[in-house]
Amino acid sequence: MYFLGLGVVLLLLKYLEIGPLADWSWWWMLTPFVLAVLWWTWADASGYTKRKAMEIEEKRMQDRRDRTKSALDANYKNKKR
């Protein structure tokens, strides 16, 4: 996501001809977008994206279980320690 933000900023600066970026080649402005595609390709191929999604889901489920147990048993938090 950072690569996309950087790419948009660079494109705007190049298009509006602000600062030294006005003299840079357009290829330099497109580099962050290429890096974003490479990052997403690697993240999907390696399972990084799926693993992070599963970690978030697991944490959400555990929080829900803890809330339910805490609501059912007033001493749950004391027993847990």
Protein backbone atom coordinates (compact mmCIF):
# COMPACT_ATOMS: atom_id res chain seq x y z
CA MET A 1 0.00 0.00 0.00
CA TYR A 2 2.90 2.30 0.70
CA PHE A 3 4.20 1.77 -2.83
CA LEU A 4 0.87 2.88 -4.28
CA GLY A 5 0.81 6.02 -2.15
CA LEU A 6 4.36 6.87 -3.15
CA GLY A 7 3.53 6.23 -6.80
CA VAL A 8 0.51 8.54 -6.72
CA VAL A 9 2.53 11.30 -5.04
CA LEU A 10 5.34 10.95 -7.58
CA LEU A 11 2.87 11.02 -10.48
CA LEU A 12 1.22 14.17 -9.16
CA LEU A 13 4.54 15.91 -8.63
CA LYS A 14 5.69 14.94 -12.13
CA TYR A 15 2.39 15.93 -13.76
CA LEU A 16 2.28 19.29 -11.96
CA GLU A 17 6.01 19.78 -12.67
CA ILE A 18 6.89 20.50 -9.06
CA GLY A 19 10.50 20.42 -7.89
CA PRO A 20 13.29 18.34 -9.38
CA LEU A 21 10.86 15.54 -10.24
CA ALA A 22 9.78 17.48 -13.31
CA ASP A 23 13.09 16.55 -14.94
CA TRP A 24 12.95 12.85 -14.06
CA SER A 25 11.95 10.22 -16.57
CA TRP A 26 8.41 8.84 -16.46
CA TRP A 27 9.88 5.40 -15.83
CA TRP A 28 10.99 6.50 -12.36
CA MET A 29 7.43 7.60 -11.62
CA LEU A 30 6.10 4.15 -12.53
CA THR A 31 8.65 2.20 -10.46
CA PRO A 32 6.56 2.18 -7.21
CA PHE A 33 3.64 0.63 -9.10
CA VAL A 34 5.89 -2.14 -10.43
CA LEU A 35 7.19 -2.72 -6.90
CA ALA A 36 3.59 -2.93 -5.61
CA VAL A 37 2.75 -5.59 -8.20
CA LEU A 38 5.88 -7.55 -7.28
CA TRP A 39 5.04 -7.30 -3.57
CA TRP A 40 1.45 -8.53 -4.09
CA THR A 41 2.64 -11.35 -6.32
CA TRP A 42 5.14 -12.52 -3.70
CA ALA A 43 2.67 -12.10 -0.82
CA ASP A 44 0.02 -14.18 -2.56
CA ALA A 45 2.44 -16.84 -3.80
CA SER A 46 4.14 -17.30 -0.42
CA GLY A 47 0.91 -17.44 1.55
CA TYR A 48 1.75 -14.29 3.53
CA THR A 49 -1.62 -12.67 2.81
CA LYS A 50 -3.62 -15.75 3.80
CA ARG A 51 -1.53 -16.28 6.93
CA LYS A 52 -2.14 -12.70 8.10
CA ALA A 53 -5.86 -13.02 7.43
CA MET A 54 -5.98 -16.25 9.44
CA GLU A 55 -4.11 -14.63 12.36
CA ILE A 56 -6.61 -11.77 12.47
CA GLU A 57 -9.55 -14.19 12.32
CA GLU A 58 -8.07 -16.37 15.06
CA LYS A 59 -7.54 -13.36 17.33
CA ARG A 60 -11.11 -12.21 16.73
CA MET A 61 -12.47 -15.66 17.59
CA GLN A 62 -10.34 -15.90 20.75
CA ASP A 63 -11.48 -12.45 21.89
CA ARG A 64 -15.10 -13.50 21.35
CA ARG A 65 -14.54 -16.71 23.35
CA ASP A 66 -12.94 -14.76 26.20
CA ARG A 67 -15.83 -12.26 26.27
CA THR A 68 -18.38 -15.08 26.33
CA LYS A 69 -16.60 -17.01 29.08
CA SER A 70 -16.12 -13.83 31.08
CA ALA A 71 -19.83 -13.01 30.78
CA LEU A 72 -20.84 -16.53 31.87
CA ASP A 73 -18.39 -16.89 34.74
CA ALA A 74 -17.56 -13.92 36.95
CA ASN A 75 -14.39 -15.67 38.18
CA TYR A 76 -13.07 -16.53 34.69
CA LYS A 77 -10.46 -13.79 34.66
CA ASN A 78 -9.23 -14.81 38.11
CA LYS A 79 -9.00 -18.49 37.06
CA LYS A 80 -7.13 -17.62 33.89
CA ARG A 81 -4.15 -16.18 35.79
